[in-house]
Amino acid sequence: MFYDMSEETLFELTDLFKILGDPTRIKLILLLANREYCVSELADQIGTTHSAISHQLSLLRAKRLLYKRKSGRQIYYTLAKRKIIILIEAGQMILKQKDSESVKH
């Protein structure tokens, strides 16, 4: 019964998990949860190129997870859907779960 999820919702949920399937994108989300950054600041924080950061930001924006704001020649990004942090934190809890806490079948 898939918890009363429509096929469309299942597809969208799968798509959301796919976007989290890259460590750089998770780092970006976690950074942007605290404040807004421009591309060069994000590249410095993560230690990669502006081009690589811009590519990842465009993927996150396509999923409507980020806002962007232009100020002069700089574009600043911030997290649009803060609840994504809850999903990442839930993933951390699952990873930290001890074997003894696992559900036995």
PDB file of N, CA and C in Angstrom:
ATOM      1  N   MET A   1       0.813  -1.201   0.000  1.00  0.00           N
ATOM      2  CA  MET A   1       0.000   0.000   0.000  1.00  0.00           C
ATOM      3  C   MET A   1       0.857   1.265   0.000  1.00  0.00           C
ATOM      4  N   PHE A   2       2.120   1.198   0.250  1.00  0.00           N
ATOM      5  CA  PHE A   2       3.047   2.316   0.175  1.00  0.00           C
ATOM      6  C   PHE A   2       2.597   3.538   0.984  1.00  0.00           C
ATOM      7  N   TYR A   3       1.955   3.284   2.103  1.00  0.00           N
ATOM      8  CA  TYR A   3       1.557   4.377   3.002  1.00  0.00           C
ATOM      9  C   TYR A   3       0.751   5.451   2.294  1.00  0.00           C
ATOM     10  N   ASP A   4      -0.137   5.026   1.417  1.00  0.00           N
ATOM     11  CA  ASP A   4      -1.028   5.935   0.688  1.00  0.00           C
ATOM     12  C   ASP A   4      -0.280   6.983  -0.134  1.00  0.00           C
ATOM     13  N   MET A   5       0.882   6.631  -0.658  1.00  0.00           N
ATOM     14  CA  MET A   5       1.614   7.543  -1.537  1.00  0.00           C
ATOM     15  C   MET A   5       1.211   7.294  -2.970  1.00  0.00           C
ATOM     16  N   SER A   6       0.991   8.382  -3.678  1.00  0.00           N
ATOM     17  CA  SER A   6       0.704   8.251  -5.103  1.00  0.00           C
ATOM     18  C   SER A   6       1.998   7.903  -5.833  1.00  0.00           C
ATOM     19  N   GLU A   7       1.861   7.429  -7.042  1.00  0.00           N
ATOM     20  CA  GLU A   7       3.036   7.138  -7.864  1.00  0.00           C
ATOM     21  C   GLU A   7       3.870   8.399  -8.066  1.00  0.00           C
ATOM     22  N   GLU A   8       3.202   9.523  -8.235  1.00  0.00           N
ATOM     23  CA  GLU A   8       3.917  10.791  -8.423  1.00  0.00           C
ATOM     24  C   GLU A   8       4.743  11.140  -7.180  1.00  0.00           C
ATOM     25  N   THR A   9       4.158  10.961  -5.998  1.00  0.00           N
ATOM     26  CA  THR A   9       4.879  11.246  -4.758  1.00  0.00           C
ATOM     27  C   THR A   9       6.050  10.296  -4.587  1.00  0.00           C
ATOM     28  N   LEU A  10       5.870   9.023  -4.915  1.00  0.00           N
ATOM     29  CA  LEU A  10       6.969   8.061  -4.836  1.00  0.00           C
ATOM     30  C   LEU A  10       8.122   8.474  -5.755  1.00  0.00           C
ATOM     31  N   PHE A  11       7.782   8.913  -6.956  1.00  0.00           N
ATOM     32  CA  PHE A  11       8.797   9.362  -7.911  1.00  0.00           C
ATOM     33  C   PHE A  11       9.536  10.592  -7.374  1.00  0.00           C
ATOM     34  N   GLU A  12       8.781  11.566  -6.847  1.00  0.00           N
ATOM     35  CA  GLU A  12       9.392  12.786  -6.312  1.00  0.00           C
ATOM     36  C   GLU A  12      10.279  12.488  -5.109  1.00  0.00           C
ATOM     37  N   LEU A  13       9.854  11.563  -4.264  1.00  0.00           N
ATOM     38  CA  LEU A  13      10.652  11.181  -3.095  1.00  0.00           C
ATOM     39  C   LEU A  13      11.945  10.501  -3.529  1.00  0.00           C
ATOM     40  N   THR A  14      11.856   9.636  -4.515  1.00  0.00           N
ATOM     41  CA  THR A  14      13.052   8.988  -5.057  1.00  0.00           C
ATOM     42  C   THR A  14      14.005  10.029  -5.624  1.00  0.00           C
ATOM     43  N   ASP A  15      13.462  11.005  -6.324  1.00  0.00           N
ATOM     44  CA  ASP A  15      14.262  12.081  -6.898  1.00  0.00           C
ATOM     45  C   ASP A  15      14.955  12.891  -5.805  1.00  0.00           C
ATOM     46  N   LEU A  16      14.261  13.131  -4.710  1.00  0.00           N
ATOM     47  CA  LEU A  16      14.848  13.859  -3.586  1.00  0.00           C
ATOM     48  C   LEU A  16      16.024  13.087  -2.994  1.00  0.00           C
ATOM     49  N   PHE A  17      15.858  11.784  -2.810  1.00  0.00           N
ATOM     50  CA  PHE A  17      16.956  10.979  -2.274  1.00  0.00           C
ATOM     51  C   PHE A  17      18.137  10.943  -3.244  1.00  0.00           C
ATOM     52  N   LYS A  18      17.861  10.955  -4.542  1.00  0.00           N
ATOM     53  CA  LYS A  18      18.950  10.983  -5.525  1.00  0.00           C
ATOM     54  C   LYS A  18      19.777  12.250  -5.390  1.00  0.00           C
ATOM     55  N   ILE A  19      19.119  13.383  -5.180  1.00  0.00           N
ATOM     56  CA  ILE A  19      19.851  14.647  -5.076  1.00  0.00           C
ATOM     57  C   ILE A  19      20.745  14.648  -3.841  1.00  0.00           C
ATOM     58  N   LEU A  20      20.402  13.865  -2.830  1.00  0.00           N
ATOM     59  CA  LEU A  20      21.229  13.762  -1.628  1.00  0.00           C
ATOM     60  C   LEU A  20      22.331  12.720  -1.789  1.00  0.00           C
ATOM     61  N   GLY A  21      22.417  12.108  -2.951  1.00  0.00           N
ATOM     62  CA  GLY A  21      23.378  11.041  -3.194  1.00  0.00           C
ATOM     63  C   GLY A  21      24.779  11.512  -3.539  1.00  0.00           C
ATOM     64  N   ASP A  22      25.103  12.739  -3.218  1.00  0.00           N
ATOM     65  CA  ASP A  22      26.427  13.276  -3.518  1.00  0.00           C
ATOM     66  C   ASP A  22      26.956  14.013  -2.286  1.00  0.00           C
ATOM     67  N   PRO A  23      28.143  13.657  -1.805  1.00  0.00           N
ATOM     68  CA  PRO A  23      28.686  14.296  -0.595  1.00  0.00           C
ATOM     69  C   PRO A  23      28.826  15.818  -0.705  1.00  0.00           C
ATOM     70  N   THR A  24      29.178  16.312  -1.882  1.00  0.00           N
ATOM     71  CA  THR A  24      29.314  17.763  -2.046  1.00  0.00           C
ATOM     72  C   THR A  24      27.979  18.459  -1.865  1.00  0.00           C
ATOM     73  N   ARG A  25      26.923  17.877  -2.399  1.00  0.00           N
ATOM     74  CA  ARG A  25      25.601  18.494  -2.248  1.00  0.00           C
ATOM     75  C   ARG A  25      25.156  18.488  -0.790  1.00  0.00           C
ATOM     76  N   ILE A  26      25.454  17.433  -0.065  1.00  0.00           N
ATOM     77  CA  ILE A  26      25.110  17.411   1.366  1.00  0.00           C
ATOM     78  C   ILE A  26      25.911  18.476   2.111  1.00  0.00           C
ATOM     79  N   LYS A  27      27.189  18.617   1.792  1.00  0.00           N
ATOM     80  CA  LYS A  27      28.002  19.675   2.418  1.00  0.00           C
ATOM     81  C   LYS A  27      27.412  21.048   2.130  1.00  0.00           C
ATOM     82  N   LEU A  28      27.007  21.279   0.891  1.00  0.00           N
ATOM     83  CA  LEU A  28      26.412  22.558   0.525  1.00  0.00           C
ATOM     84  C   LEU A  28      25.138  22.823   1.317  1.00  0.00           C
ATOM     85  N   ILE A  29      24.286  21.831   1.407  1.00  0.00           N
ATOM     86  CA  ILE A  29      23.033  21.984   2.153  1.00  0.00           C
ATOM     87  C   ILE A  29      23.323  22.330   3.607  1.00  0.00           C
ATOM     88  N   LEU A  30      24.269  21.615   4.209  1.00  0.00           N
ATOM     89  CA  LEU A  30      24.592  21.873   5.614  1.00  0.00           C
ATOM     90  C   LEU A  30      25.179  23.267   5.814  1.00  0.00           C
ATOM     91  N   LEU A  31      26.044  23.701   4.913  1.00  0.00           N
ATOM     92  CA  LEU A  31      26.583  25.059   5.008  1.00  0.00           C
ATOM     93  C   LEU A  31      25.484  26.105   4.846  1.00  0.00           C
ATOM     94  N   LEU A  32      24.644  25.917   3.855  1.00  0.00           N
ATOM     95  CA  LEU A  32      23.614  26.904   3.547  1.00  0.00           C
ATOM     96  C   LEU A  32      22.477  26.918   4.564  1.00  0.00           C
ATOM     97  N   ALA A  33      22.429  25.941   5.426  1.00  0.00           N
ATOM     98  CA  ALA A  33      21.422  25.929   6.490  1.00  0.00           C
ATOM     99  C   ALA A  33      21.727  26.999   7.530  1.00  0.00           C
ATOM    100  N   ASN A  34      22.999  27.409   7.622  1.00  0.00           N
ATOM    101  CA  ASN A  34      23.411  28.355   8.658  1.00  0.00           C
ATOM    102  C   ASN A  34      23.390  29.811   8.211  1.00  0.00           C
ATOM    103  N   ARG A  35      23.691  30.052   6.948  1.00  0.00           N
ATOM    104  CA  ARG A  35      23.696  31.425   6.421  1.00  0.00           C
ATOM    105  C   ARG A  35      23.810  31.375   4.908  1.00  0.00           C
ATOM    106  N   GLU A  36      23.711  32.531   4.279  1.00  0.00           N
ATOM    107  CA  GLU A  36      23.876  32.570   2.830  1.00  0.00           C
ATOM    108  C   GLU A  36      25.349  32.692   2.468  1.00  0.00           C
ATOM    109  N   TYR A  37      25.676  32.152   1.321  1.00  0.00           N
ATOM    110  CA  TYR A  37      27.046  32.168   0.804  1.00  0.00           C
ATOM    111  C   TYR A  37      27.014  32.490  -0.677  1.00  0.00           C
ATOM    112  N   CYS A  38      28.115  33.058  -1.171  1.00  0.00           N
ATOM    113  CA  CYS A  38      28.305  33.183  -2.618  1.00  0.00           C
ATOM    114  C   CYS A  38      29.140  31.982  -3.081  1.00  0.00           C
ATOM    115  N   VAL A  39      29.235  31.797  -4.371  1.00  0.00           N
ATOM    116  CA  VAL A  39      29.919  30.633  -4.937  1.00  0.00           C
ATOM    117  C   VAL A  39      31.372  30.564  -4.472  1.00  0.00           C
ATOM    118  N   SER A  40      32.072  31.679  -4.491  1.00  0.00           N
ATOM    119  CA  SER A  40      33.492  31.645  -4.110  1.00  0.00           C
ATOM    120  C   SER A  40      33.671  31.255  -2.643  1.00  0.00           C
ATOM    121  N   GLU A  41      32.783  31.707  -1.765  1.00  0.00           N
ATOM    122  CA  GLU A  41      32.858  31.313  -0.357  1.00  0.00           C
ATOM    123  C   GLU A  41      32.606  29.813  -0.196  1.00  0.00           C
ATOM    124  N   LEU A  42      31.631  29.304  -0.930  1.00  0.00           N
ATOM    125  CA  LEU A  42      31.331  27.874  -0.863  1.00  0.00           C
ATOM    126  C   LEU A  42      32.488  27.047  -1.406  1.00  0.00           C
ATOM    127  N   ALA A  43      33.085  27.511  -2.504  1.00  0.00           N
ATOM    128  CA  ALA A  43      34.227  26.796  -3.082  1.00  0.00           C
ATOM    129  C   ALA A  43      35.379  26.752  -2.076  1.00  0.00           C
ATOM    130  N   ASP A  44      35.626  27.858  -1.389  1.00  0.00           N
ATOM    131  CA  ASP A  44      36.686  27.899  -0.374  1.00  0.00           C
ATOM    132  C   ASP A  44      36.367  26.968   0.799  1.00  0.00           C
ATOM    133  N   GLN A  45      35.137  26.989   1.255  1.00  0.00           N
ATOM    134  CA  GLN A  45      34.729  26.161   2.392  1.00  0.00           C
ATOM    135  C   GLN A  45      34.854  24.670   2.082  1.00  0.00           C
ATOM    136  N   ILE A  46      34.469  24.288   0.867  1.00  0.00           N
ATOM    137  CA  ILE A  46      34.445  22.870   0.499  1.00  0.00           C
ATOM    138  C   ILE A  46      35.777  22.422  -0.109  1.00  0.00           C
ATOM    139  N   GLY A  47      36.503  23.366  -0.673  1.00  0.00           N
ATOM    140  CA  GLY A  47      37.797  23.033  -1.249  1.00  0.00           C
ATOM    141  C   GLY A  47      37.706  22.465  -2.648  1.00  0.00           C
ATOM    142  N   THR A  48      36.871  23.081  -3.461  1.00  0.00           N
ATOM    143  CA  THR A  48      36.722  22.647  -4.847  1.00  0.00           C
ATOM    144  C   THR A  48      36.596  23.885  -5.735  1.00  0.00           C
ATOM    145  N   THR A  49      36.425  23.678  -7.018  1.00  0.00           N
ATOM    146  CA  THR A  49      36.390  24.793  -7.965  1.00  0.00           C
ATOM    147  C   THR A  49      35.034  25.502  -7.978  1.00  0.00           C
ATOM    148  N   HIS A  50      35.064  26.733  -8.439  1.00  0.00           N
ATOM    149  CA  HIS A  50      33.824  27.501  -8.603  1.00  0.00           C
ATOM    150  C   HIS A  50      32.884  26.784  -9.567  1.00  0.00           C
ATOM    151  N   SER A  51      33.465  26.233 -10.620  1.00  0.00           N
ATOM    152  CA  SER A  51      32.671  25.532 -11.626  1.00  0.00           C
ATOM    153  C   SER A  51      31.937  24.335 -11.018  1.00  0.00           C
ATOM    154  N   ALA A  52      32.648  23.567 -10.216  1.00  0.00           N
ATOM    155  CA  ALA A  52      32.025  22.393  -9.581  1.00  0.00           C
ATOM    156  C   ALA A  52      30.917  22.811  -8.624  1.00  0.00           C
ATOM    157  N   ILE A  53      31.155  23.873  -7.864  1.00  0.00           N
ATOM    158  CA  ILE A  53      30.134  24.365  -6.934  1.00  0.00           C
ATOM    159  C   ILE A  53      28.923  24.881  -7.690  1.00  0.00           C
ATOM    160  N   SER A  54      29.158  25.642  -8.742  1.00  0.00           N
ATOM    161  CA  SER A  54      28.048  26.179  -9.543  1.00  0.00           C
ATOM    162  C   SER A  54      27.188  25.058 -10.112  1.00  0.00           C
ATOM    163  N   HIS A  55      27.829  23.996 -10.568  1.00  0.00           N
ATOM    164  CA  HIS A  55      27.091  22.853 -11.105  1.00  0.00           C
ATOM    165  C   HIS A  55      26.201  22.227 -10.026  1.00  0.00           C
ATOM    166  N   GLN A  56      26.763  22.002  -8.847  1.00  0.00           N
ATOM    167  CA  GLN A  56      25.991  21.395  -7.760  1.00  0.00           C
ATOM    168  C   GLN A  56      24.858  22.317  -7.300  1.00  0.00           C
ATOM    169  N   LEU A  57      25.135  23.607  -7.234  1.00  0.00           N
ATOM    170  CA  LEU A  57      24.095  24.562  -6.854  1.00  0.00           C
ATOM    171  C   LEU A  57      22.949  24.571  -7.857  1.00  0.00           C
ATOM    172  N   SER A  58      23.278  24.447  -9.130  1.00  0.00           N
ATOM    173  CA  SER A  58      22.214  24.433 -10.145  1.00  0.00           C
ATOM    174  C   SER A  58      21.328  23.202  -9.994  1.00  0.00           C
ATOM    175  N   LEU A  59      21.915  22.068  -9.637  1.00  0.00           N
ATOM    176  CA  LEU A  59      21.117  20.858  -9.401  1.00  0.00           C
ATOM    177  C   LEU A  59      20.195  21.035  -8.189  1.00  0.00           C
ATOM    178  N   LEU A  60      20.731  21.622  -7.128  1.00  0.00           N
ATOM    179  CA  LEU A  60      19.922  21.862  -5.925  1.00  0.00           C
ATOM    180  C   LEU A  60      18.823  22.885  -6.195  1.00  0.00           C
ATOM    181  N   ARG A  61      19.122  23.895  -6.981  1.00  0.00           N
ATOM    182  CA  ARG A  61      18.104  24.895  -7.333  1.00  0.00           C
ATOM    183  C   ARG A  61      17.012  24.282  -8.194  1.00  0.00           C
ATOM    184  N   ALA A  62      17.383  23.381  -9.085  1.00  0.00           N
ATOM    185  CA  ALA A  62      16.393  22.728  -9.952  1.00  0.00           C
ATOM    186  C   ALA A  62      15.373  21.946  -9.130  1.00  0.00           C
ATOM    187  N   LYS A  63      15.786  21.489  -7.957  1.00  0.00           N
ATOM    188  CA  LYS A  63      14.875  20.764  -7.052  1.00  0.00           C
ATOM    189  C   LYS A  63      14.220  21.696  -6.043  1.00  0.00           C
ATOM    190  N   ARG A  64      14.396  22.998  -6.262  1.00  0.00           N
ATOM    191  CA  ARG A  64      13.802  24.045  -5.431  1.00  0.00           C
ATOM    192  C   ARG A  64      14.244  23.953  -3.963  1.00  0.00           C
ATOM    193  N   LEU A  65      15.477  23.523  -3.753  1.00  0.00           N
ATOM    194  CA  LEU A  65      15.998  23.439  -2.392  1.00  0.00           C
ATOM    195  C   LEU A  65      16.740  24.708  -1.977  1.00  0.00           C
ATOM    196  N   LEU A  66      17.046  25.582  -2.938  1.00  0.00           N
ATOM    197  CA  LEU A  66      17.805  26.795  -2.647  1.00  0.00           C
ATOM    198  C   LEU A  66      17.093  28.030  -3.165  1.00  0.00           C
ATOM    199  N   TYR A  67      17.366  29.150  -2.477  1.00  0.00           N
ATOM    200  CA  TYR A  67      17.019  30.477  -2.980  1.00  0.00           C
ATOM    201  C   TYR A  67      18.321  31.126  -3.443  1.00  0.00           C
ATOM    202  N   LYS A  68      18.201  32.025  -4.403  1.00  0.00           N
ATOM    203  CA  LYS A  68      19.370  32.819  -4.766  1.00  0.00           C
ATOM    204  C   LYS A  68      18.981  34.288  -4.755  1.00  0.00           C
ATOM    205  N   ARG A  69      19.978  35.105  -4.417  1.00  0.00           N
ATOM    206  CA  ARG A  69      19.789  36.547  -4.345  1.00  0.00           C
ATOM    207  C   ARG A  69      21.000  37.210  -4.984  1.00  0.00           C
ATOM    208  N   LYS A  70      20.734  38.142  -5.885  1.00  0.00           N
ATOM    209  CA  LYS A  70      21.828  38.831  -6.558  1.00  0.00           C
ATOM    210  C   LYS A  70      22.079  40.163  -5.855  1.00  0.00           C
ATOM    211  N   SER A  71      23.353  40.419  -5.621  1.00  0.00           N
ATOM    212  CA  SER A  71      23.778  41.688  -5.027  1.00  0.00           C
ATOM    213  C   SER A  71      24.996  42.163  -5.804  1.00  0.00           C
ATOM    214  N   GLY A  72      24.780  43.158  -6.656  1.00  0.00           N
ATOM    215  CA  GLY A  72      25.863  43.594  -7.540  1.00  0.00           C
ATOM    216  C   GLY A  72      26.231  42.484  -8.497  1.00  0.00           C
ATOM    217  N   ARG A  73      27.512  42.101  -8.474  1.00  0.00           N
ATOM    218  CA  ARG A  73      27.969  41.023  -9.356  1.00  0.00           C
ATOM    219  C   ARG A  73      27.931  39.663  -8.666  1.00  0.00           C
ATOM    220  N   GLN A  74      27.649  39.643  -7.381  1.00  0.00           N
ATOM    221  CA  GLN A  74      27.640  38.392  -6.620  1.00  0.00           C
ATOM    222  C   GLN A  74      26.228  37.809  -6.551  1.00  0.00           C
ATOM    223  N   ILE A  75      26.174  36.487  -6.565  1.00  0.00           N
ATOM    224  CA  ILE A  75      24.915  35.782  -6.337  1.00  0.00           C
ATOM    225  C   ILE A  75      25.080  35.011  -5.040  1.00  0.00           C
ATOM    226  N   TYR A  76      24.131  35.204  -4.137  1.00  0.00           N
ATOM    227  CA  TYR A  76      24.161  34.543  -2.835  1.00  0.00           C
ATOM    228  C   TYR A  76      23.078  33.475  -2.783  1.00  0.00           C
ATOM    229  N   TYR A  77      23.425  32.362  -2.154  1.00  0.00           N
ATOM    230  CA  TYR A  77      22.507  31.229  -2.039  1.00  0.00           C
ATOM    231  C   TYR A  77      22.199  30.969  -0.582  1.00  0.00           C
ATOM    232  N   THR A  78      20.984  30.505  -0.346  1.00  0.00           N
ATOM    233  CA  THR A  78      20.569  30.085   0.983  1.00  0.00           C
ATOM    234  C   THR A  78      19.588  28.923   0.838  1.00  0.00           C
ATOM    235  N   LEU A  79      19.412  28.196   1.909  1.00  0.00           N
ATOM    236  CA  LEU A  79      18.539  27.022   1.881  1.00  0.00           C
ATOM    237  C   LEU A  79      17.076  27.447   1.854  1.00  0.00           C
ATOM    238  N   ALA A  80      16.308  26.898   0.935  1.00  0.00           N
ATOM    239  CA  ALA A  80      14.893  27.239   0.792  1.00  0.00           C
ATOM    240  C   ALA A  80      14.001  26.306   1.603  1.00  0.00           C
ATOM    241  N   LYS A  81      14.391  25.044   1.687  1.00  0.00           N
ATOM    242  CA  LYS A  81      13.562  24.054   2.385  1.00  0.00           C
ATOM    243  C   LYS A  81      14.371  23.491   3.549  1.00  0.00           C
ATOM    244  N   ARG A  82      14.240  24.151   4.688  1.00  0.00           N
ATOM    245  CA  ARG A  82      15.040  23.807   5.857  1.00  0.00           C
ATOM    246  C   ARG A  82      14.751  22.401   6.390  1.00  0.00           C
ATOM    247  N   LYS A  83      13.608  21.854   6.065  1.00  0.00           N
ATOM    248  CA  LYS A  83      13.279  20.508   6.554  1.00  0.00           C
ATOM    249  C   LYS A  83      14.174  19.434   5.958  1.00  0.00           C
ATOM    250  N   ILE A  84      14.907  19.764   4.918  1.00  0.00           N
ATOM    251  CA  ILE A  84      15.856  18.808   4.350  1.00  0.00           C
ATOM    252  C   ILE A  84      16.907  18.437   5.389  1.00  0.00           C
ATOM    253  N   ILE A  85      17.185  19.345   6.317  1.00  0.00           N
ATOM    254  CA  ILE A  85      18.141  19.086   7.397  1.00  0.00           C
ATOM    255  C   ILE A  85      17.629  17.943   8.278  1.00  0.00           C
ATOM    256  N   ILE A  86      16.330  17.899   8.508  1.00  0.00           N
ATOM    257  CA  ILE A  86      15.739  16.819   9.306  1.00  0.00           C
ATOM    258  C   ILE A  86      16.006  15.478   8.632  1.00  0.00           C
ATOM    259  N   LEU A  87      15.884  15.443   7.328  1.00  0.00           N
ATOM    260  CA  LEU A  87      16.133  14.210   6.579  1.00  0.00           C
ATOM    261  C   LEU A  87      17.594  13.785   6.701  1.00  0.00           C
ATOM    262  N   ILE A  88      18.507  14.744   6.601  1.00  0.00           N
ATOM    263  CA  ILE A  88      19.934  14.431   6.738  1.00  0.00           C
ATOM    264  C   ILE A  88      20.240  13.957   8.157  1.00  0.00           C
ATOM    265  N   GLU A  89      19.655  14.624   9.152  1.00  0.00           N
ATOM    266  CA  GLU A  89      19.861  14.211  10.543  1.00  0.00           C
ATOM    267  C   GLU A  89      19.284  12.808  10.795  1.00  0.00           C
ATOM    268  N   ALA A  90      18.138  12.504  10.190  1.00  0.00           N
ATOM    269  CA  ALA A  90      17.562  11.166  10.320  1.00  0.00           C
ATOM    270  C   ALA A  90      18.502  10.127   9.725  1.00  0.00           C
ATOM    271  N   GLY A  91      19.125  10.454   8.607  1.00  0.00           N
ATOM    272  CA  GLY A  91      20.111   9.552   8.015  1.00  0.00           C
ATOM    273  C   GLY A  91      21.280   9.313   8.950  1.00  0.00           C
ATOM    274  N   GLN A  92      21.747  10.372   9.609  1.00  0.00           N
ATOM    275  CA  GLN A  92      22.833  10.216  10.585  1.00  0.00           C
ATOM    276  C   GLN A  92      22.418   9.300  11.726  1.00  0.00           C
ATOM    277  N   MET A  93      21.196   9.466  12.206  1.00  0.00           N
ATOM    278  CA  MET A  93      20.718   8.614  13.300  1.00  0.00           C
ATOM    279  C   MET A  93      20.655   7.153  12.874  1.00  0.00           C
ATOM    280  N   ILE A  94      20.213   6.908  11.658  1.00  0.00           N
ATOM    281  CA  ILE A  94      20.148   5.533  11.151  1.00  0.00           C
ATOM    282  C   ILE A  94      21.555   4.943  11.094  1.00  0.00           C
ATOM    283  N   LEU A  95      22.517   5.723  10.619  1.00  0.00           N
ATOM    284  CA  LEU A  95      23.895   5.235  10.534  1.00  0.00           C
ATOM    285  C   LEU A  95      24.503   4.971  11.902  1.00  0.00           C
ATOM    286  N   LYS A  96      24.117   5.756  12.894  1.00  0.00           N
ATOM    287  CA  LYS A  96      24.660   5.605  14.248  1.00  0.00           C
ATOM    288  C   LYS A  96      23.945   4.533  15.062  1.00  0.00           C
ATOM    289  N   GLN A  97      22.808   4.069  14.562  1.00  0.00           N
ATOM    290  CA  GLN A  97      22.018   3.087  15.293  1.00  0.00           C
ATOM    291  C   GLN A  97      22.847   1.830  15.527  1.00  0.00           C
ATOM    292  N   LYS A  98      22.860   1.388  16.753  1.00  0.00           N
ATOM    293  CA  LYS A  98      23.615   0.190  17.104  1.00  0.00           C
ATOM    294  C   LYS A  98      22.892  -1.044  16.594  1.00  0.00           C
ATOM    295  N   ASP A  99      23.647  -2.077  16.315  1.00  0.00           N
ATOM    296  CA  ASP A  99      23.056  -3.328  15.835  1.00  0.00           C
ATOM    297  C   ASP A  99      22.010  -3.855  16.802  1.00  0.00           C
ATOM    298  N   SER A 100      22.234  -3.671  18.086  1.00  0.00           N
ATOM    299  CA  SER A 100      21.287  -4.177  19.085  1.00  0.00           C
ATOM    300  C   SER A 100      19.968  -3.439  19.039  1.00  0.00           C
ATOM    301  N   GLU A 101      19.942  -2.240  18.455  1.00  0.00           N
ATOM    302  CA  GLU A 101      18.713  -1.472  18.325  1.00  0.00           C
ATOM    303  C   GLU A 101      17.957  -1.796  17.050  1.00  0.00           C
ATOM    304  N   SER A 102      18.569  -2.554  16.167  1.00  0.00           N
ATOM    305  CA  SER A 102      17.946  -2.895  14.898  1.00  0.00           C
ATOM    306  C   SER A 102      16.721  -3.759  15.126  1.00  0.00           C
ATOM    307  N   VAL A 103      15.777  -3.611  14.239  1.00  0.00           N
ATOM    308  CA  VAL A 103      14.561  -4.414  14.319  1.00  0.00           C
ATOM    309  C   VAL A 103      14.896  -5.847  13.896  1.00  0.00           C
ATOM    310  N   LYS A 104      14.503  -6.794  14.686  1.00  0.00           N
ATOM    311  CA  LYS A 104      14.733  -8.206  14.376  1.00  0.00           C
ATOM    312  C   LYS A 104      13.479  -8.782  13.724  1.00  0.00           C
ATOM    313  N   HIS A 105      13.709  -9.572  12.692  1.00  0.00           N
ATOM    314  CA  HIS A 105      12.573 -10.247  12.006  1.00  0.00           C
ATOM    315  C   HIS A 105      12.661 -11.715  12.231  1.00  0.00           C
TER     316      HIS A 105
END
